[in-house]
């Protein structure tokens, strides 16, 4: 056990012995974090998820319009190559070609996986998955569940996480990644876990792990206006990675809802 420090009323400190260990620590419980947890668990690892948001309420639930994949259910001429070409063109050809190819080539498998796990995407009367147009699409390729596609995806992934009995601890703010070795000294640096603050109990907790996966969301909240909720997307994940020695690239590219209402009063 590793000693942690908690804060009681009157700012007096007391010590406790609360600590947790796992093989794979995942920071973030959105769709990326949940899917990573499922994959790591199925590969035989002991997995633990920590999250600032409460269980089942990550930023992903606000994704409304749909999820894209070249299934060709509505337009048979669609395929992953057309999807990739649309993506590269709309991105002004600055996207990484290889990563775009990975995304578009694997998107149909992701949709089929979600459907196999119970996702209730809209269907045509004959049973085909409905797909509709979204921005920059040559063909219809957006699957959706009403206006709550992200919430449906989280419902499905949370169900799979529960079935595997993967533990999620919420209301935790990650303050630092733990590492061996010092940056800039030539020593090999290995990430060994994270130091977190329990937001409700106001105590520090140390997590020790062999591997850490950062899935902590973006940083759209640093801009005004923002489509993110007030308590999320401040870029903590990027900051943790930077402090641990990671190189950050393309930081000017940030995803945000492209419809934001601005109330101007005289």
C-alpha atoms as a PDB file:
ATOM      1  CA  UNK A   1       0.000   0.000   0.000  1.00  0.00           C
ATOM      2  CA  UNK A   2       1.153   3.540  -0.749  1.00  0.00           C
ATOM      3  CA  UNK A   3       0.277   6.332   1.640  1.00  0.00           C
ATOM      4  CA  UNK A   4      -1.934   9.134   0.352  1.00  0.00           C
ATOM      5  CA  UNK A   5      -2.870  12.446   1.951  1.00  0.00           C
ATOM      6  CA  UNK A   6      -6.394  13.728   2.457  1.00  0.00           C
ATOM      7  CA  UNK A   7      -7.656  17.134   3.510  1.00  0.00           C
ATOM      8  CA  UNK A   8     -10.194  17.472   6.295  1.00  0.00           C
ATOM      9  CA  UNK A   9     -12.169  20.477   7.494  1.00  0.00           C
ATOM     10  CA  UNK A  10     -10.074  23.341   8.746  1.00  0.00           C
ATOM     11  CA  UNK A  11      -7.351  22.485   6.208  1.00  0.00           C
ATOM     12  CA  UNK A  12      -5.803  20.000   8.635  1.00  0.00           C
ATOM     13  CA  UNK A  13      -4.053  17.113   6.898  1.00  0.00           C
ATOM     14  CA  UNK A  14      -4.452  13.492   7.815  1.00  0.00           C
ATOM     15  CA  UNK A  15      -2.826  10.442   6.276  1.00  0.00           C
ATOM     16  CA  UNK A  16      -4.532   7.371   4.838  1.00  0.00           C
ATOM     17  CA  UNK A  17      -3.388   4.185   3.135  1.00  0.00           C
ATOM     18  CA  UNK A  18      -5.676   4.111   0.090  1.00  0.00           C
ATOM     19  CA  UNK A  19      -3.974   2.930  -3.116  1.00  0.00           C
ATOM     20  CA  UNK A  20      -4.924   0.810  -6.115  1.00  0.00           C
ATOM     21  CA  UNK A  21      -2.853  -1.187  -8.586  1.00  0.00           C
ATOM     22  CA  UNK A  22      -3.661  -2.615 -12.006  1.00  0.00           C
ATOM     23  CA  UNK A  23      -1.954  -3.666 -15.222  1.00  0.00           C
ATOM     24  CA  UNK A  24      -3.638  -1.085 -17.457  1.00  0.00           C
ATOM     25  CA  UNK A  25      -4.870   2.260 -16.146  1.00  0.00           C
ATOM     26  CA  UNK A  26      -7.186   4.134 -18.496  1.00  0.00           C
ATOM     27  CA  UNK A  27      -7.752   7.830 -17.909  1.00  0.00           C
ATOM     28  CA  UNK A  28     -11.130   8.825 -19.329  1.00  0.00           C
ATOM     29  CA  UNK A  29     -14.468   7.030 -19.619  1.00  0.00           C
ATOM     30  CA  UNK A  30     -15.759   8.306 -22.950  1.00  0.00           C
ATOM     31  CA  UNK A  31     -16.155   6.098 -26.004  1.00  0.00           C
ATOM     32  CA  UNK A  32     -12.375   5.914 -26.570  1.00  0.00           C
ATOM     33  CA  UNK A  33     -11.599   4.996 -22.973  1.00  0.00           C
ATOM     34  CA  UNK A  34     -14.386   2.418 -22.706  1.00  0.00           C
ATOM     35  CA  UNK A  35     -13.461   0.745 -25.993  1.00  0.00           C
ATOM     36  CA  UNK A  36      -9.777   0.663 -24.991  1.00  0.00           C
ATOM     37  CA  UNK A  37     -10.758  -0.937 -21.692  1.00  0.00           C
ATOM     38  CA  UNK A  38     -12.746  -3.639 -23.455  1.00  0.00           C
ATOM     39  CA  UNK A  39      -9.859  -4.417 -25.800  1.00  0.00           C
ATOM     40  CA  UNK A  40      -7.277  -4.540 -22.999  1.00  0.00           C
ATOM     41  CA  UNK A  41      -9.526  -6.738 -20.864  1.00  0.00           C
ATOM     42  CA  UNK A  42     -10.180  -9.160 -23.709  1.00  0.00           C
ATOM     43  CA  UNK A  43      -6.414  -9.395 -24.274  1.00  0.00           C
ATOM     44  CA  UNK A  44      -6.063 -10.668 -20.709  1.00  0.00           C
ATOM     45  CA  UNK A  45      -5.123  -7.523 -18.776  1.00  0.00           C
ATOM     46  CA  UNK A  46      -6.464  -6.308 -15.458  1.00  0.00           C
ATOM     47  CA  UNK A  47      -8.005  -2.930 -16.301  1.00  0.00           C
ATOM     48  CA  UNK A  48      -9.065   0.059 -14.226  1.00  0.00           C
ATOM     49  CA  UNK A  49     -10.758   3.210 -15.553  1.00  0.00           C
ATOM     50  CA  UNK A  50     -10.584   6.560 -13.771  1.00  0.00           C
ATOM     51  CA  UNK A  51     -12.779   9.457 -14.816  1.00  0.00           C
ATOM     52  CA  UNK A  52     -13.469  13.047 -13.841  1.00  0.00           C
ATOM     53  CA  UNK A  53     -17.067  12.713 -15.056  1.00  0.00           C
ATOM     54  CA  UNK A  54     -19.583  10.451 -13.403  1.00  0.00           C
ATOM     55  CA  UNK A  55     -20.117   6.982 -14.871  1.00  0.00           C
ATOM     56  CA  UNK A  56     -22.074   6.968 -18.122  1.00  0.00           C
ATOM     57  CA  UNK A  57     -21.923  10.736 -18.619  1.00  0.00           C
ATOM     58  CA  UNK A  58     -18.788  11.558 -20.630  1.00  0.00           C
ATOM     59  CA  UNK A  59     -18.706  14.241 -23.299  1.00  0.00           C
ATOM     60  CA  UNK A  60     -19.504  11.527 -25.878  1.00  0.00           C
ATOM     61  CA  UNK A  61     -23.176  11.612 -24.849  1.00  0.00           C
ATOM     62  CA  UNK A  62     -23.454  15.042 -26.484  1.00  0.00           C
ATOM     63  CA  UNK A  63     -22.526  13.655 -29.930  1.00  0.00           C
ATOM     64  CA  UNK A  64     -25.859  13.834 -31.674  1.00  0.00           C
ATOM     65  CA  UNK A  65     -25.749  13.703 -35.459  1.00  0.00           C
ATOM     66  CA  UNK A  66     -24.319  10.240 -36.057  1.00  0.00           C
ATOM     67  CA  UNK A  67     -21.276   8.137 -36.794  1.00  0.00           C
ATOM     68  CA  UNK A  68     -19.820   7.692 -40.273  1.00  0.00           C
ATOM     69  CA  UNK A  69     -18.879   4.504 -42.116  1.00  0.00           C
ATOM     70  CA  UNK A  70     -18.977   3.543 -45.790  1.00  0.00           C
ATOM     71  CA  UNK A  71     -21.411   0.649 -45.410  1.00  0.00           C
ATOM     72  CA  UNK A  72     -23.156   1.297 -48.716  1.00  0.00           C
ATOM     73  CA  UNK A  73     -26.576   0.412 -47.314  1.00  0.00           C
ATOM     74  CA  UNK A  74     -28.196   3.397 -49.047  1.00  0.00           C
ATOM     75  CA  UNK A  75     -25.647   4.099 -51.798  1.00  0.00           C
ATOM     76  CA  UNK A  76     -23.928   0.884 -52.980  1.00  0.00           C
ATOM     77  CA  UNK A  77     -21.158   2.791 -54.757  1.00  0.00           C
ATOM     78  CA  UNK A  78     -19.795   4.080 -51.462  1.00  0.00           C
ATOM     79  CA  UNK A  79     -16.619   2.499 -50.068  1.00  0.00           C
ATOM     80  CA  UNK A  80     -13.811   3.340 -47.680  1.00  0.00           C
ATOM     81  CA  UNK A  81     -11.690   4.892 -50.434  1.00  0.00           C
ATOM     82  CA  UNK A  82     -14.411   7.439 -51.269  1.00  0.00           C
ATOM     83  CA  UNK A  83     -14.837   8.091 -47.538  1.00  0.00           C
ATOM     84  CA  UNK A  84     -11.089   8.696 -47.210  1.00  0.00           C
ATOM     85  CA  UNK A  85     -11.036  10.996 -50.246  1.00  0.00           C
ATOM     86  CA  UNK A  86     -13.923  13.041 -48.822  1.00  0.00           C
ATOM     87  CA  UNK A  87     -12.124  13.300 -45.476  1.00  0.00           C
ATOM     88  CA  UNK A  88      -8.824  14.403 -46.961  1.00  0.00           C
ATOM     89  CA  UNK A  89     -10.413  16.936 -49.287  1.00  0.00           C
ATOM     90  CA  UNK A  90     -12.612  18.513 -46.604  1.00  0.00           C
ATOM     91  CA  UNK A  91      -9.572  18.694 -44.282  1.00  0.00           C
ATOM     92  CA  UNK A  92      -7.641  20.756 -46.811  1.00  0.00           C
ATOM     93  CA  UNK A  93      -5.234  17.846 -47.396  1.00  0.00           C
ATOM     94  CA  UNK A  94      -3.375  18.439 -44.146  1.00  0.00           C
ATOM     95  CA  UNK A  95      -4.575  15.238 -42.456  1.00  0.00           C
ATOM     96  CA  UNK A  96      -2.237  12.264 -42.081  1.00  0.00           C
ATOM     97  CA  UNK A  97      -3.060  10.049 -45.072  1.00  0.00           C
ATOM     98  CA  UNK A  98      -2.211   6.787 -43.331  1.00  0.00           C
ATOM     99  CA  UNK A  99      -4.333   7.576 -40.273  1.00  0.00           C
ATOM    100  CA  UNK A 100      -7.260   8.618 -42.452  1.00  0.00           C
ATOM    101  CA  UNK A 101      -6.984   5.287 -44.262  1.00  0.00           C
ATOM    102  CA  UNK A 102      -7.005   3.362 -40.967  1.00  0.00           C
ATOM    103  CA  UNK A 103     -10.071   5.304 -39.794  1.00  0.00           C
ATOM    104  CA  UNK A 104     -12.118   4.901 -42.955  1.00  0.00           C
ATOM    105  CA  UNK A 105     -11.136   1.303 -43.650  1.00  0.00           C
ATOM    106  CA  UNK A 106     -12.097   0.158 -40.138  1.00  0.00           C
ATOM    107  CA  UNK A 107     -15.223   2.280 -39.655  1.00  0.00           C
ATOM    108  CA  UNK A 108     -17.630  -0.372 -41.053  1.00  0.00           C
ATOM    109  CA  UNK A 109     -16.255  -2.962 -38.619  1.00  0.00           C
ATOM    110  CA  UNK A 110     -16.880  -0.567 -35.732  1.00  0.00           C
ATOM    111  CA  UNK A 111     -20.515  -0.039 -36.762  1.00  0.00           C
ATOM    112  CA  UNK A 112     -21.051  -3.779 -37.134  1.00  0.00           C
ATOM    113  CA  UNK A 113     -19.473  -4.361 -33.735  1.00  0.00           C
ATOM    114  CA  UNK A 114     -21.744  -1.808 -32.075  1.00  0.00           C
ATOM    115  CA  UNK A 115     -24.797  -3.298 -33.775  1.00  0.00           C
ATOM    116  CA  UNK A 116     -23.724  -6.765 -32.662  1.00  0.00           C
ATOM    117  CA  UNK A 117     -23.557  -5.459 -29.091  1.00  0.00           C
ATOM    118  CA  UNK A 118     -27.072  -4.049 -29.294  1.00  0.00           C
ATOM    119  CA  UNK A 119     -26.794  -0.531 -30.723  1.00  0.00           C
ATOM    120  CA  UNK A 120     -30.234   0.609 -31.881  1.00  0.00           C
ATOM    121  CA  UNK A 121     -29.276   2.601 -34.961  1.00  0.00           C
ATOM    122  CA  UNK A 122     -32.179   3.658 -37.182  1.00  0.00           C
ATOM    123  CA  UNK A 123     -33.187   1.111 -39.829  1.00  0.00           C
ATOM    124  CA  UNK A 124     -35.199   1.124 -43.033  1.00  0.00           C
ATOM    125  CA  UNK A 125     -38.425  -0.878 -43.266  1.00  0.00           C
ATOM    126  CA  UNK A 126     -36.518  -3.714 -44.933  1.00  0.00           C
ATOM    127  CA  UNK A 127     -34.035  -3.900 -42.052  1.00  0.00           C
ATOM    128  CA  UNK A 128     -31.102  -2.064 -43.618  1.00  0.00           C
ATOM    129  CA  UNK A 129     -29.265   0.433 -41.465  1.00  0.00           C
ATOM    130  CA  UNK A 130     -30.372   3.906 -42.434  1.00  0.00           C
ATOM    131  CA  UNK A 131     -27.573   6.229 -43.521  1.00  0.00           C
ATOM    132  CA  UNK A 132     -27.918   9.934 -44.202  1.00  0.00           C
ATOM    133  CA  UNK A 133     -25.822  12.755 -45.591  1.00  0.00           C
ATOM    134  CA  UNK A 134     -23.529  14.760 -43.372  1.00  0.00           C
ATOM    135  CA  UNK A 135     -20.957  17.416 -44.167  1.00  0.00           C
ATOM    136  CA  UNK A 136     -18.645  16.783 -47.142  1.00  0.00           C
ATOM    137  CA  UNK A 137     -20.098  13.349 -47.936  1.00  0.00           C
ATOM    138  CA  UNK A 138     -20.271  12.186 -51.530  1.00  0.00           C
ATOM    139  CA  UNK A 139     -22.673   9.440 -50.440  1.00  0.00           C
ATOM    140  CA  UNK A 140     -24.959   8.854 -47.454  1.00  0.00           C
ATOM    141  CA  UNK A 141     -22.849   7.196 -44.747  1.00  0.00           C
ATOM    142  CA  UNK A 142     -23.968   8.522 -41.345  1.00  0.00           C
ATOM    143  CA  UNK A 143     -25.610   5.988 -38.999  1.00  0.00           C
ATOM    144  CA  UNK A 144     -27.643   7.466 -36.155  1.00  0.00           C
ATOM    145  CA  UNK A 145     -29.973   6.870 -33.236  1.00  0.00           C
ATOM    146  CA  UNK A 146     -32.474   9.723 -33.237  1.00  0.00           C
ATOM    147  CA  UNK A 147     -30.605  12.783 -32.061  1.00  0.00           C
ATOM    148  CA  UNK A 148     -28.706  10.891 -29.342  1.00  0.00           C
ATOM    149  CA  UNK A 149     -26.165   8.773 -31.189  1.00  0.00           C
ATOM    150  CA  UNK A 150     -23.333   9.388 -28.715  1.00  0.00           C
ATOM    151  CA  UNK A 151     -25.550   8.522 -25.766  1.00  0.00           C
ATOM    152  CA  UNK A 152     -26.529   5.253 -27.452  1.00  0.00           C
ATOM    153  CA  UNK A 153     -22.899   4.370 -28.114  1.00  0.00           C
ATOM    154  CA  UNK A 154     -22.033   4.987 -24.457  1.00  0.00           C
ATOM    155  CA  UNK A 155     -25.006   2.852 -23.374  1.00  0.00           C
ATOM    156  CA  UNK A 156     -23.707  -0.051 -25.453  1.00  0.00           C
ATOM    157  CA  UNK A 157     -20.082   0.312 -24.339  1.00  0.00           C
ATOM    158  CA  UNK A 158     -21.037   0.704 -20.672  1.00  0.00           C
ATOM    159  CA  UNK A 159     -23.066  -2.500 -20.930  1.00  0.00           C
ATOM    160  CA  UNK A 160     -20.017  -4.329 -22.308  1.00  0.00           C
ATOM    161  CA  UNK A 161     -17.807  -2.883 -19.556  1.00  0.00           C
ATOM    162  CA  UNK A 162     -20.264  -4.032 -16.887  1.00  0.00           C
ATOM    163  CA  UNK A 163     -20.461  -7.513 -18.395  1.00  0.00           C
ATOM    164  CA  UNK A 164     -16.680  -7.765 -18.079  1.00  0.00           C
ATOM    165  CA  UNK A 165     -16.772  -6.360 -14.536  1.00  0.00           C
ATOM    166  CA  UNK A 166     -14.248  -3.656 -15.436  1.00  0.00           C
ATOM    167  CA  UNK A 167     -14.035  -1.210 -12.566  1.00  0.00           C
ATOM    168  CA  UNK A 168     -14.674   2.502 -13.129  1.00  0.00           C
ATOM    169  CA  UNK A 169     -13.852   5.063 -10.452  1.00  0.00           C
ATOM    170  CA  UNK A 170     -15.374   8.451 -11.169  1.00  0.00           C
ATOM    171  CA  UNK A 171     -15.069  11.914  -9.636  1.00  0.00           C
ATOM    172  CA  UNK A 172     -11.270  11.696  -9.859  1.00  0.00           C
ATOM    173  CA  UNK A 173      -9.074  14.493 -11.162  1.00  0.00           C
ATOM    174  CA  UNK A 174      -5.709  13.293 -12.456  1.00  0.00           C
ATOM    175  CA  UNK A 175      -2.979  15.630 -11.248  1.00  0.00           C
ATOM    176  CA  UNK A 176       0.172  13.910 -12.514  1.00  0.00           C
ATOM    177  CA  UNK A 177       1.405  10.816 -14.281  1.00  0.00           C
ATOM    178  CA  UNK A 178       3.943   8.861 -12.249  1.00  0.00           C
ATOM    179  CA  UNK A 179       7.184   8.100 -14.029  1.00  0.00           C
ATOM    180  CA  UNK A 180      10.565   6.561 -13.460  1.00  0.00           C
ATOM    181  CA  UNK A 181      13.582   8.498 -14.697  1.00  0.00           C
ATOM    182  CA  UNK A 182      13.972  12.223 -15.188  1.00  0.00           C
ATOM    183  CA  UNK A 183      13.268  14.051 -18.417  1.00  0.00           C
ATOM    184  CA  UNK A 184      16.273  15.563 -20.153  1.00  0.00           C
ATOM    185  CA  UNK A 185      18.850  13.317 -18.451  1.00  0.00           C
ATOM    186  CA  UNK A 186      19.011  10.598 -21.076  1.00  0.00           C
ATOM    187  CA  UNK A 187      17.433   8.097 -18.721  1.00  0.00           C
ATOM    188  CA  UNK A 188      14.688   5.836 -19.992  1.00  0.00           C
ATOM    189  CA  UNK A 189      11.373   7.252 -18.803  1.00  0.00           C
ATOM    190  CA  UNK A 190       8.583   4.818 -18.017  1.00  0.00           C
ATOM    191  CA  UNK A 191       5.068   5.822 -16.993  1.00  0.00           C
ATOM    192  CA  UNK A 192       4.084   3.854 -13.905  1.00  0.00           C
ATOM    193  CA  UNK A 193       0.656   5.155 -12.947  1.00  0.00           C
ATOM    194  CA  UNK A 194      -1.071   8.358 -11.878  1.00  0.00           C
ATOM    195  CA  UNK A 195      -1.702  10.576  -8.893  1.00  0.00           C
ATOM    196  CA  UNK A 196      -5.350  11.574  -8.591  1.00  0.00           C
ATOM    197  CA  UNK A 197      -7.503  13.753  -6.383  1.00  0.00           C
ATOM    198  CA  UNK A 198     -10.895  12.466  -5.287  1.00  0.00           C
ATOM    199  CA  UNK A 199     -13.080  15.491  -6.000  1.00  0.00           C
ATOM    200  CA  UNK A 200     -15.771  14.579  -3.471  1.00  0.00           C
ATOM    201  CA  UNK A 201     -13.681  13.136  -0.647  1.00  0.00           C
ATOM    202  CA  UNK A 202     -10.860  15.624  -1.240  1.00  0.00           C
ATOM    203  CA  UNK A 203      -8.090  13.084  -0.799  1.00  0.00           C
ATOM    204  CA  UNK A 204      -5.165  12.087  -3.003  1.00  0.00           C
ATOM    205  CA  UNK A 205      -4.977   8.539  -4.376  1.00  0.00           C
ATOM    206  CA  UNK A 206      -2.013   6.877  -6.057  1.00  0.00           C
ATOM    207  CA  UNK A 207      -2.646   4.407  -8.870  1.00  0.00           C
ATOM    208  CA  UNK A 208       0.203   2.093  -9.843  1.00  0.00           C
ATOM    209  CA  UNK A 209       0.092   0.383 -13.239  1.00  0.00           C
ATOM    210  CA  UNK A 210       2.246  -1.171 -15.921  1.00  0.00           C
ATOM    211  CA  UNK A 211       0.599   0.853 -18.677  1.00  0.00           C
ATOM    212  CA  UNK A 212      -1.404   4.073 -18.894  1.00  0.00           C
ATOM    213  CA  UNK A 213      -3.802   4.956 -21.708  1.00  0.00           C
ATOM    214  CA  UNK A 214      -4.795   8.607 -21.999  1.00  0.00           C
ATOM    215  CA  UNK A 215      -8.343   9.008 -23.319  1.00  0.00           C
ATOM    216  CA  UNK A 216      -9.179  12.238 -21.528  1.00  0.00           C
ATOM    217  CA  UNK A 217     -10.890  14.199 -24.287  1.00  0.00           C
ATOM    218  CA  UNK A 218      -9.990  17.406 -26.068  1.00  0.00           C
ATOM    219  CA  UNK A 219      -9.590  21.052 -25.139  1.00  0.00           C
ATOM    220  CA  UNK A 220     -12.424  22.942 -26.830  1.00  0.00           C
ATOM    221  CA  UNK A 221     -13.377  24.524 -23.513  1.00  0.00           C
ATOM    222  CA  UNK A 222     -10.294  26.736 -23.632  1.00  0.00           C
ATOM    223  CA  UNK A 223     -12.039  28.686 -26.387  1.00  0.00           C
ATOM    224  CA  UNK A 224     -14.963  31.077 -26.057  1.00  0.00           C
ATOM    225  CA  UNK A 225     -17.602  30.247 -27.082  1.00  0.00           C
ATOM    226  CA  UNK A 226     -17.470  26.480 -26.598  1.00  0.00           C
ATOM    227  CA  UNK A 227     -19.898  23.643 -27.249  1.00  0.00           C
ATOM    228  CA  UNK A 228     -18.519  21.697 -24.263  1.00  0.00           C
ATOM    229  CA  UNK A 229     -20.064  21.619 -20.831  1.00  0.00           C
ATOM    230  CA  UNK A 230     -18.514  23.829 -18.180  1.00  0.00           C
ATOM    231  CA  UNK A 231     -16.716  20.989 -16.380  1.00  0.00           C
ATOM    232  CA  UNK A 232     -15.027  19.207 -19.278  1.00  0.00           C
ATOM    233  CA  UNK A 233     -12.576  19.450 -22.178  1.00  0.00           C
ATOM    234  CA  UNK A 234      -9.958  21.731 -20.654  1.00  0.00           C
ATOM    235  CA  UNK A 235      -7.073  19.778 -22.175  1.00  0.00           C
ATOM    236  CA  UNK A 236      -5.941  17.943 -19.047  1.00  0.00           C
ATOM    237  CA  UNK A 237      -5.010  14.852 -21.067  1.00  0.00           C
ATOM    238  CA  UNK A 238      -2.765  16.814 -23.413  1.00  0.00           C
ATOM    239  CA  UNK A 239      -1.154  18.588 -20.456  1.00  0.00           C
ATOM    240  CA  UNK A 240      -0.474  15.272 -18.693  1.00  0.00           C
ATOM    241  CA  UNK A 241       1.133  13.867 -21.830  1.00  0.00           C
ATOM    242  CA  UNK A 242       3.275  16.991 -22.301  1.00  0.00           C
ATOM    243  CA  UNK A 243       4.447  16.985 -18.690  1.00  0.00           C
ATOM    244  CA  UNK A 244       5.402  13.330 -19.073  1.00  0.00           C
ATOM    245  CA  UNK A 245       7.626  14.142 -22.059  1.00  0.00           C
ATOM    246  CA  UNK A 246       5.364  13.406 -25.011  1.00  0.00           C
ATOM    247  CA  UNK A 247       5.610  15.481 -28.175  1.00  0.00           C
ATOM    248  CA  UNK A 248       2.328  17.233 -29.050  1.00  0.00           C
ATOM    249  CA  UNK A 249       1.603  17.967 -32.693  1.00  0.00           C
ATOM    250  CA  UNK A 250      -1.149  19.738 -34.639  1.00  0.00           C
ATOM    251  CA  UNK A 251      -2.458  21.395 -31.482  1.00  0.00           C
ATOM    252  CA  UNK A 252      -4.240  24.020 -33.569  1.00  0.00           C
ATOM    253  CA  UNK A 253      -6.620  21.311 -34.803  1.00  0.00           C
ATOM    254  CA  UNK A 254      -9.443  20.913 -32.291  1.00  0.00           C
ATOM    255  CA  UNK A 255     -12.844  19.325 -32.751  1.00  0.00           C
ATOM    256  CA  UNK A 256     -15.858  21.400 -31.741  1.00  0.00           C
ATOM    257  CA  UNK A 257     -19.514  21.542 -32.659  1.00  0.00           C
ATOM    258  CA  UNK A 258     -19.728  23.744 -35.723  1.00  0.00           C
ATOM    259  CA  UNK A 259     -23.029  25.351 -34.682  1.00  0.00           C
ATOM    260  CA  UNK A 260     -22.630  27.660 -31.684  1.00  0.00           C
ATOM    261  CA  UNK A 261     -25.202  30.271 -30.802  1.00  0.00           C
ATOM    262  CA  UNK A 262     -23.862  33.610 -29.606  1.00  0.00           C
ATOM    263  CA  UNK A 263     -26.245  35.846 -27.717  1.00  0.00           C
ATOM    264  CA  UNK A 264     -25.282  39.448 -28.376  1.00  0.00           C
ATOM    265  CA  UNK A 265     -26.971  42.009 -26.228  1.00  0.00           C
ATOM    266  CA  UNK A 266     -26.761  45.762 -26.707  1.00  0.00           C
END
